[in-house]
Amino acid sequence: MRAMASRTSTRRALKTGGRAARAAAAPPKAGIRAAQAGMAPPKTGAVPAKAAAPAHPLVARHDHAALSKRIRRIEGQVRGIGGMIDDDRYCIDILTQVAAVQSALDALARELLEHHLHGCVQQAVKTGDGARAIDEALAVIRRFGR
């Protein structure tokens, strides 16, 4: 009985403090500390986030605002899942939300792929670089087919 009361009071304390309080209590990451001290962050062997992407001509994306809005909505869904986990919600409810996020990401990926095919690949074919662009598109499509 005492363990149950302790767990409930811990949950209540976390809820009143919120995620911001838990984040503030967490120690900063090593890279952030190194940057604040003016030193280079430790090397972990990881690939940088902005790896050299193949150069391609810029093709106007008319739906930039809609894509940004969509990805922000997905980010909110993911944060909501984190809150559900913190609140010890029912597993099936969490899994339902995970499936919804995966579906939303798949739809976003399809939309980006469609733009890439109609814009970037079409432009590459017109300029004579179609074989490379088509191979690249096929590789991406294969990754989605898994």
N, C-alpha and C. Protein backbone atom coordinates (compact mmCIF):
# COMPACT_ATOMS: atom_id res chain seq x y z
N MET A 1 0.83 -1.19 0.00
CA MET A 1 0.00 0.00 0.00
C MET A 1 0.87 1.25 0.00
N ARG A 2 1.96 1.20 0.77
CA ARG A 2 2.85 2.36 0.86
C ARG A 2 3.51 2.64 -0.50
N ALA A 3 3.87 1.57 -1.24
CA ALA A 3 4.49 1.75 -2.56
C ALA A 3 3.52 2.43 -3.51
N MET A 4 2.26 2.09 -3.42
CA MET A 4 1.25 2.70 -4.28
C MET A 4 1.13 4.19 -3.99
N ALA A 5 1.12 4.56 -2.70
CA ALA A 5 1.03 5.97 -2.33
C ALA A 5 2.25 6.73 -2.81
N SER A 6 3.42 6.12 -2.70
CA SER A 6 4.64 6.76 -3.14
C SER A 6 4.61 7.00 -4.64
N ARG A 7 4.14 6.02 -5.39
CA ARG A 7 4.08 6.15 -6.85
C ARG A 7 3.10 7.24 -7.24
N THR A 8 1.96 7.30 -6.56
CA THR A 8 0.97 8.32 -6.86
C THR A 8 1.51 9.71 -6.54
N SER A 9 2.18 9.87 -5.41
CA SER A 9 2.71 11.18 -5.06
C SER A 9 3.82 11.59 -6.02
N THR A 10 4.62 10.63 -6.47
CA THR A 10 5.66 10.94 -7.45
C THR A 10 5.03 11.41 -8.76
N ARG A 11 3.98 10.72 -9.19
CA ARG A 11 3.29 11.13 -10.42
C ARG A 11 2.74 12.53 -10.28
N ARG A 12 2.13 12.82 -9.11
CA ARG A 12 1.55 14.13 -8.88
C ARG A 12 2.64 15.20 -8.93
N ALA A 13 3.79 14.93 -8.36
CA ALA A 13 4.89 15.89 -8.35
C ALA A 13 5.39 16.14 -9.76
N LEU A 14 5.47 15.09 -10.56
CA LEU A 14 5.92 15.26 -11.94
C LEU A 14 4.91 16.07 -12.74
N LYS A 15 3.62 15.81 -12.50
CA LYS A 15 2.58 16.55 -13.23
C LYS A 15 2.60 18.02 -12.87
N THR A 16 2.76 18.33 -11.61
CA THR A 16 2.74 19.74 -11.22
C THR A 16 3.98 20.45 -11.71
N GLY A 17 5.11 19.74 -11.77
CA GLY A 17 6.33 20.34 -12.27
C GLY A 17 6.33 20.44 -13.77
N GLY A 18 5.63 19.54 -14.44
CA GLY A 18 5.55 19.53 -15.88
C GLY A 18 6.83 19.09 -16.55
N ARG A 19 6.76 18.96 -17.86
CA ARG A 19 7.93 18.54 -18.64
C ARG A 19 9.05 19.55 -18.57
N ALA A 20 8.69 20.83 -18.48
CA ALA A 20 9.72 21.87 -18.44
C ALA A 20 10.58 21.72 -17.19
N ALA A 21 9.94 21.39 -16.07
CA ALA A 21 10.70 21.21 -14.83
C ALA A 21 11.63 20.01 -14.94
N ARG A 22 11.15 18.92 -15.54
CA ARG A 22 12.00 17.74 -15.71
C ARG A 22 13.15 18.04 -16.65
N ALA A 23 12.88 18.80 -17.72
CA ALA A 23 13.94 19.13 -18.67
C ALA A 23 14.98 20.04 -18.03
N ALA A 24 14.52 20.97 -17.18
CA ALA A 24 15.46 21.87 -16.52
C ALA A 24 16.34 21.13 -15.53
N ALA A 25 15.79 20.06 -14.94
CA ALA A 25 16.55 19.28 -13.96
C ALA A 25 17.58 18.38 -14.63
N ALA A 26 17.38 18.08 -15.92
CA ALA A 26 18.30 17.18 -16.63
C ALA A 26 19.62 17.90 -16.89
N PRO A 27 20.74 17.20 -16.76
CA PRO A 27 22.03 17.83 -17.03
C PRO A 27 22.19 18.10 -18.52
N PRO A 28 22.90 19.17 -18.89
CA PRO A 28 23.09 19.46 -20.31
C PRO A 28 23.96 18.39 -20.97
N LYS A 29 23.82 18.25 -22.26
CA LYS A 29 24.58 17.26 -23.01
C LYS A 29 26.04 17.72 -23.12
N ALA A 30 26.93 16.76 -23.34
CA ALA A 30 28.37 17.05 -23.39
C ALA A 30 28.70 18.05 -24.48
N GLY A 31 28.07 17.94 -25.63
CA GLY A 31 28.34 18.85 -26.73
C GLY A 31 27.97 20.28 -26.40
N ILE A 32 26.88 20.45 -25.66
CA ILE A 32 26.43 21.78 -25.28
C ILE A 32 27.41 22.39 -24.28
N ARG A 33 27.83 21.57 -23.31
CA ARG A 33 28.80 22.06 -22.32
C ARG A 33 30.10 22.47 -23.01
N ALA A 34 30.55 21.67 -23.96
CA ALA A 34 31.79 21.98 -24.67
C ALA A 34 31.65 23.26 -25.47
N ALA A 35 30.49 23.45 -26.09
CA ALA A 35 30.27 24.66 -26.88
C ALA A 35 30.25 25.89 -25.98
N GLN A 36 29.64 25.75 -24.79
CA GLN A 36 29.59 26.87 -23.86
C GLN A 36 30.98 27.21 -23.35
N ALA A 37 31.84 26.22 -23.23
CA ALA A 37 33.20 26.45 -22.73
C ALA A 37 34.13 26.89 -23.86
N GLY A 38 33.61 26.95 -25.08
CA GLY A 38 34.44 27.36 -26.21
C GLY A 38 35.28 26.25 -26.79
N MET A 39 34.98 25.02 -26.44
CA MET A 39 35.73 23.87 -26.94
C MET A 39 34.91 23.15 -27.99
N ALA A 40 35.57 22.33 -28.78
CA ALA A 40 34.86 21.52 -29.76
C ALA A 40 34.16 20.37 -29.05
N PRO A 41 32.96 19.99 -29.49
CA PRO A 41 32.28 18.86 -28.85
C PRO A 41 33.03 17.57 -29.10
N PRO A 42 32.87 16.58 -28.23
CA PRO A 42 33.59 15.32 -28.41
C PRO A 42 33.16 14.62 -29.69
N LYS A 43 34.11 13.96 -30.35
CA LYS A 43 33.80 13.25 -31.57
C LYS A 43 33.23 11.89 -31.21
N THR A 44 32.10 11.56 -31.82
CA THR A 44 31.45 10.29 -31.52
C THR A 44 31.48 9.35 -32.70
N GLY A 45 31.98 9.79 -33.82
CA GLY A 45 32.00 8.95 -35.00
C GLY A 45 30.69 8.99 -35.77
N ALA A 46 29.76 9.82 -35.33
CA ALA A 46 28.47 9.92 -36.00
C ALA A 46 28.59 10.79 -37.24
N VAL A 47 27.75 10.52 -38.19
CA VAL A 47 27.72 11.31 -39.43
C VAL A 47 27.04 12.63 -39.12
N PRO A 48 27.57 13.75 -39.61
CA PRO A 48 26.93 15.04 -39.36
C PRO A 48 25.51 15.05 -39.92
N ALA A 49 24.65 15.86 -39.31
CA ALA A 49 23.25 15.93 -39.71
C ALA A 49 23.11 16.42 -41.14
N LYS A 50 23.98 17.32 -41.56
CA LYS A 50 23.91 17.89 -42.90
C LYS A 50 25.01 17.27 -43.76
N ALA A 51 24.84 16.02 -44.14
CA ALA A 51 25.80 15.36 -45.01
C ALA A 51 25.69 15.99 -46.40
N ALA A 52 26.74 15.90 -47.16
CA ALA A 52 26.75 16.50 -48.49
C ALA A 52 25.70 15.83 -49.36
N ALA A 53 24.67 16.57 -49.71
CA ALA A 53 23.62 16.06 -50.58
C ALA A 53 23.99 16.37 -52.02
N PRO A 54 23.55 15.54 -52.95
CA PRO A 54 23.86 15.83 -54.34
C PRO A 54 23.24 17.15 -54.75
N ALA A 55 24.02 17.94 -55.46
CA ALA A 55 23.53 19.24 -55.90
C ALA A 55 22.46 19.05 -56.96
N HIS A 56 21.41 19.81 -56.83
CA HIS A 56 20.36 19.78 -57.84
C HIS A 56 19.77 21.16 -57.95
N PRO A 57 19.17 21.46 -59.09
CA PRO A 57 18.60 22.80 -59.26
C PRO A 57 17.41 22.99 -58.33
N LEU A 58 17.25 24.20 -57.85
CA LEU A 58 16.11 24.50 -57.00
C LEU A 58 14.84 24.52 -57.84
N VAL A 59 13.87 23.77 -57.41
CA VAL A 59 12.58 23.73 -58.07
C VAL A 59 11.59 24.33 -57.08
N ALA A 60 10.85 25.32 -57.51
CA ALA A 60 9.92 26.02 -56.62
C ALA A 60 8.95 25.04 -55.98
N ARG A 61 8.80 25.15 -54.68
CA ARG A 61 7.87 24.30 -53.94
C ARG A 61 6.72 25.20 -53.51
N HIS A 62 5.59 25.05 -54.18
CA HIS A 62 4.44 25.91 -53.91
C HIS A 62 3.77 25.62 -52.58
N ASP A 63 4.02 24.46 -52.02
CA ASP A 63 3.33 24.04 -50.80
C ASP A 63 4.23 24.07 -49.57
N HIS A 64 5.22 24.94 -49.57
CA HIS A 64 6.17 25.00 -48.46
C HIS A 64 5.48 25.26 -47.12
N ALA A 65 4.58 26.21 -47.09
CA ALA A 65 3.88 26.54 -45.84
C ALA A 65 3.04 25.37 -45.35
N ALA A 66 2.39 24.67 -46.26
CA ALA A 66 1.56 23.53 -45.88
C ALA A 66 2.42 22.39 -45.33
N LEU A 67 3.58 22.17 -45.94
CA LEU A 67 4.48 21.13 -45.44
C LEU A 67 5.01 21.48 -44.06
N SER A 68 5.36 22.74 -43.85
CA SER A 68 5.84 23.17 -42.53
C SER A 68 4.77 22.99 -41.47
N LYS A 69 3.55 23.35 -41.82
CA LYS A 69 2.43 23.20 -40.88
C LYS A 69 2.21 21.72 -40.55
N ARG A 70 2.32 20.90 -41.56
CA ARG A 70 2.10 19.46 -41.39
C ARG A 70 3.16 18.85 -40.47
N ILE A 71 4.43 19.20 -40.68
CA ILE A 71 5.49 18.62 -39.86
C ILE A 71 5.40 19.12 -38.42
N ARG A 72 4.97 20.37 -38.22
CA ARG A 72 4.77 20.88 -36.85
C ARG A 72 3.64 20.12 -36.16
N ARG A 73 2.61 19.76 -36.90
CA ARG A 73 1.51 18.99 -36.33
C ARG A 73 2.01 17.60 -35.91
N ILE A 74 2.84 17.00 -36.74
CA ILE A 74 3.40 15.68 -36.42
C ILE A 74 4.30 15.79 -35.19
N GLU A 75 5.10 16.85 -35.11
CA GLU A 75 5.94 17.06 -33.92
C GLU A 75 5.08 17.13 -32.66
N GLY A 76 3.96 17.81 -32.76
CA GLY A 76 3.04 17.90 -31.62
C GLY A 76 2.49 16.55 -31.23
N GLN A 77 2.18 15.73 -32.25
CA GLN A 77 1.69 14.37 -31.95
C GLN A 77 2.76 13.56 -31.21
N VAL A 78 4.00 13.69 -31.65
CA VAL A 78 5.09 12.94 -31.01
C VAL A 78 5.27 13.42 -29.56
N ARG A 79 5.22 14.73 -29.35
CA ARG A 79 5.31 15.25 -27.97
C ARG A 79 4.15 14.74 -27.13
N GLY A 80 2.97 14.63 -27.74
CA GLY A 80 1.81 14.09 -27.04
C GLY A 80 2.03 12.65 -26.61
N ILE A 81 2.67 11.87 -27.47
CA ILE A 81 2.99 10.48 -27.12
C ILE A 81 3.95 10.46 -25.93
N GLY A 82 4.92 11.35 -25.93
CA GLY A 82 5.83 11.44 -24.78
C GLY A 82 5.08 11.75 -23.51
N GLY A 83 4.10 12.63 -23.58
CA GLY A 83 3.28 12.94 -22.42
C GLY A 83 2.45 11.75 -21.96
N MET A 84 1.94 11.00 -22.94
CA MET A 84 1.16 9.81 -22.59
C MET A 84 2.03 8.79 -21.86
N ILE A 85 3.27 8.64 -22.31
CA ILE A 85 4.19 7.71 -21.65
C ILE A 85 4.50 8.21 -20.25
N ASP A 86 4.76 9.51 -20.11
CA ASP A 86 5.04 10.09 -18.79
C ASP A 86 3.86 9.89 -17.83
N ASP A 87 2.65 9.93 -18.37
CA ASP A 87 1.45 9.80 -17.54
C ASP A 87 1.02 8.35 -17.34
N ASP A 88 1.84 7.40 -17.82
CA ASP A 88 1.51 5.97 -17.71
C ASP A 88 0.14 5.64 -18.29
N ARG A 89 -0.12 6.15 -19.48
CA ARG A 89 -1.40 5.88 -20.13
C ARG A 89 -1.44 4.44 -20.62
N TYR A 90 -2.61 3.97 -20.97
CA TYR A 90 -2.84 2.61 -21.44
C TYR A 90 -2.04 2.36 -22.72
N CYS A 91 -1.34 1.23 -22.76
CA CYS A 91 -0.42 0.92 -23.87
C CYS A 91 -1.10 0.98 -25.24
N ILE A 92 -2.31 0.45 -25.32
CA ILE A 92 -3.00 0.43 -26.61
C ILE A 92 -3.28 1.84 -27.10
N ASP A 93 -3.61 2.75 -26.19
CA ASP A 93 -3.83 4.15 -26.57
C ASP A 93 -2.55 4.76 -27.12
N ILE A 94 -1.43 4.46 -26.49
CA ILE A 94 -0.14 4.98 -26.96
C ILE A 94 0.19 4.39 -28.33
N LEU A 95 0.00 3.09 -28.48
CA LEU A 95 0.29 2.44 -29.77
C LEU A 95 -0.60 2.99 -30.87
N THR A 96 -1.83 3.32 -30.55
CA THR A 96 -2.73 3.92 -31.54
C THR A 96 -2.17 5.26 -32.02
N GLN A 97 -1.66 6.04 -31.09
CA GLN A 97 -1.07 7.33 -31.46
C GLN A 97 0.23 7.15 -32.25
N VAL A 98 1.01 6.14 -31.90
CA VAL A 98 2.24 5.85 -32.66
C VAL A 98 1.87 5.51 -34.11
N ALA A 99 0.83 4.70 -34.29
CA ALA A 99 0.40 4.35 -35.64
C ALA A 99 -0.08 5.58 -36.40
N ALA A 100 -0.75 6.49 -35.70
CA ALA A 100 -1.21 7.72 -36.35
C ALA A 100 -0.03 8.57 -36.81
N VAL A 101 1.02 8.65 -35.98
CA VAL A 101 2.22 9.42 -36.35
C VAL A 101 2.91 8.77 -37.54
N GLN A 102 3.03 7.44 -37.53
CA GLN A 102 3.66 6.75 -38.66
C GLN A 102 2.88 7.00 -39.94
N SER A 103 1.56 6.97 -39.86
CA SER A 103 0.73 7.23 -41.02
C SER A 103 0.91 8.66 -41.53
N ALA A 104 0.97 9.61 -40.60
CA ALA A 104 1.17 11.00 -40.99
C ALA A 104 2.54 11.21 -41.64
N LEU A 105 3.57 10.55 -41.11
CA LEU A 105 4.90 10.66 -41.71
C LEU A 105 4.94 10.01 -43.09
N ASP A 106 4.25 8.89 -43.25
CA ASP A 106 4.19 8.24 -44.56
C ASP A 106 3.52 9.14 -45.58
N ALA A 107 2.43 9.80 -45.17
CA ALA A 107 1.74 10.71 -46.08
C ALA A 107 2.62 11.89 -46.46
N LEU A 108 3.37 12.42 -45.49
CA LEU A 108 4.30 13.52 -45.77
C LEU A 108 5.39 13.06 -46.73
N ALA A 109 5.91 11.86 -46.51
CA ALA A 109 6.95 11.33 -47.40
C ALA A 109 6.43 11.14 -48.82
N ARG A 110 5.21 10.64 -48.95
CA ARG A 110 4.63 10.48 -50.30
C ARG A 110 4.49 11.82 -51.00
N GLU A 111 4.06 12.83 -50.25
CA GLU A 111 3.91 14.16 -50.84
C GLU A 111 5.27 14.72 -51.29
N LEU A 112 6.29 14.55 -50.44
CA LEU A 112 7.63 15.02 -50.82
C LEU A 112 8.17 14.25 -52.02
N LEU A 113 7.92 12.95 -52.06
CA LEU A 113 8.37 12.14 -53.19
C LEU A 113 7.68 12.58 -54.48
N GLU A 114 6.40 12.85 -54.38
CA GLU A 114 5.66 13.33 -55.56
C GLU A 114 6.24 14.65 -56.07
N HIS A 115 6.53 15.56 -55.14
CA HIS A 115 7.15 16.83 -55.54
C HIS A 115 8.51 16.58 -56.19
N HIS A 116 9.27 15.67 -55.60
CA HIS A 116 10.60 15.38 -56.13
C HIS A 116 10.51 14.82 -57.55
N LEU A 117 9.57 13.90 -57.77
CA LEU A 117 9.44 13.31 -59.10
C LEU A 117 8.96 14.33 -60.13
N HIS A 118 7.96 15.12 -59.77
CA HIS A 118 7.41 16.10 -60.72
C HIS A 118 8.30 17.32 -60.90
N GLY A 119 9.13 17.62 -59.92
CA GLY A 119 9.98 18.80 -60.00
C GLY A 119 11.42 18.46 -60.31
N CYS A 120 12.10 17.90 -59.34
CA CYS A 120 13.54 17.67 -59.45
C CYS A 120 13.90 16.65 -60.53
N VAL A 121 13.22 15.51 -60.52
CA VAL A 121 13.55 14.46 -61.51
C VAL A 121 13.18 14.94 -62.92
N GLN A 122 12.03 15.56 -63.04
CA GLN A 122 11.62 16.07 -64.35
C GLN A 122 12.64 17.08 -64.88
N GLN A 123 13.12 17.96 -64.01
CA GLN A 123 14.13 18.94 -64.40
C GLN A 123 15.43 18.25 -64.80
N ALA A 124 15.82 17.21 -64.06
CA ALA A 124 17.05 16.48 -64.38
C ALA A 124 16.95 15.79 -65.73
N VAL A 125 15.79 15.24 -66.04
CA VAL A 125 15.61 14.59 -67.34
C VAL A 125 15.74 15.61 -68.46
N LYS A 126 15.17 16.79 -68.26
CA LYS A 126 15.25 17.85 -69.28
C LYS A 126 16.68 18.31 -69.52
N THR A 127 17.51 18.30 -68.46
CA THR A 127 18.88 18.79 -68.60
C THR A 127 19.88 17.69 -68.94
N GLY A 128 19.39 16.45 -69.12
CA GLY A 128 20.27 15.36 -69.51
C GLY A 128 20.84 14.55 -68.37
N ASP A 129 20.43 14.81 -67.15
CA ASP A 129 20.94 14.08 -65.99
C ASP A 129 19.86 13.16 -65.42
N GLY A 130 18.98 12.70 -66.28
CA GLY A 130 17.84 11.91 -65.85
C GLY A 130 18.19 10.56 -65.28
N ALA A 131 19.19 9.89 -65.82
CA ALA A 131 19.53 8.55 -65.34
C ALA A 131 19.91 8.56 -63.87
N ARG A 132 20.75 9.52 -63.47
CA ARG A 132 21.16 9.62 -62.08
C ARG A 132 19.97 9.94 -61.18
N ALA A 133 19.13 10.87 -61.62
CA ALA A 133 17.97 11.28 -60.82
C ALA A 133 16.97 10.14 -60.67
N ILE A 134 16.78 9.38 -61.73
CA ILE A 134 15.84 8.25 -61.68
C ILE A 134 16.39 7.16 -60.76
N ASP A 135 17.69 6.88 -60.85
CA ASP A 135 18.30 5.88 -59.95
C ASP A 135 18.15 6.30 -58.49
N GLU A 136 18.38 7.57 -58.24
CA GLU A 136 18.24 8.10 -56.88
C GLU A 136 16.79 7.96 -56.39
N ALA A 137 15.83 8.29 -57.25
CA ALA A 137 14.42 8.19 -56.89
C ALA A 137 14.03 6.73 -56.63
N LEU A 138 14.52 5.82 -57.46
CA LEU A 138 14.22 4.41 -57.27
C LEU A 138 14.78 3.88 -55.95
N ALA A 139 15.97 4.34 -55.59
CA ALA A 139 16.56 3.93 -54.31
C ALA A 139 15.69 4.39 -53.14
N VAL A 140 15.17 5.61 -53.22
CA VAL A 140 14.30 6.13 -52.17
C VAL A 140 13.00 5.34 -52.12
N ILE A 141 12.43 5.04 -53.28
CA ILE A 141 11.18 4.28 -53.34
C ILE A 141 11.38 2.89 -52.75
N ARG A 142 12.52 2.27 -53.01
CA ARG A 142 12.80 0.95 -52.43
C ARG A 142 12.85 1.02 -50.91
N ARG A 143 13.41 2.10 -50.37
CA ARG A 143 13.45 2.24 -48.92
C ARG A 143 12.05 2.33 -48.32
N PHE A 144 11.13 2.98 -49.03
CA PHE A 144 9.77 3.08 -48.54
C PHE A 144 9.01 1.78 -48.70
N GLY A 145 9.44 0.92 -49.59
CA GLY A 145 8.76 -0.33 -49.85
C GLY A 145 8.99 -1.39 -48.78
N ARG A 146 9.91 -1.16 -47.87
CA ARG A 146 10.22 -2.16 -46.83
C ARG A 146 9.10 -2.31 -45.85
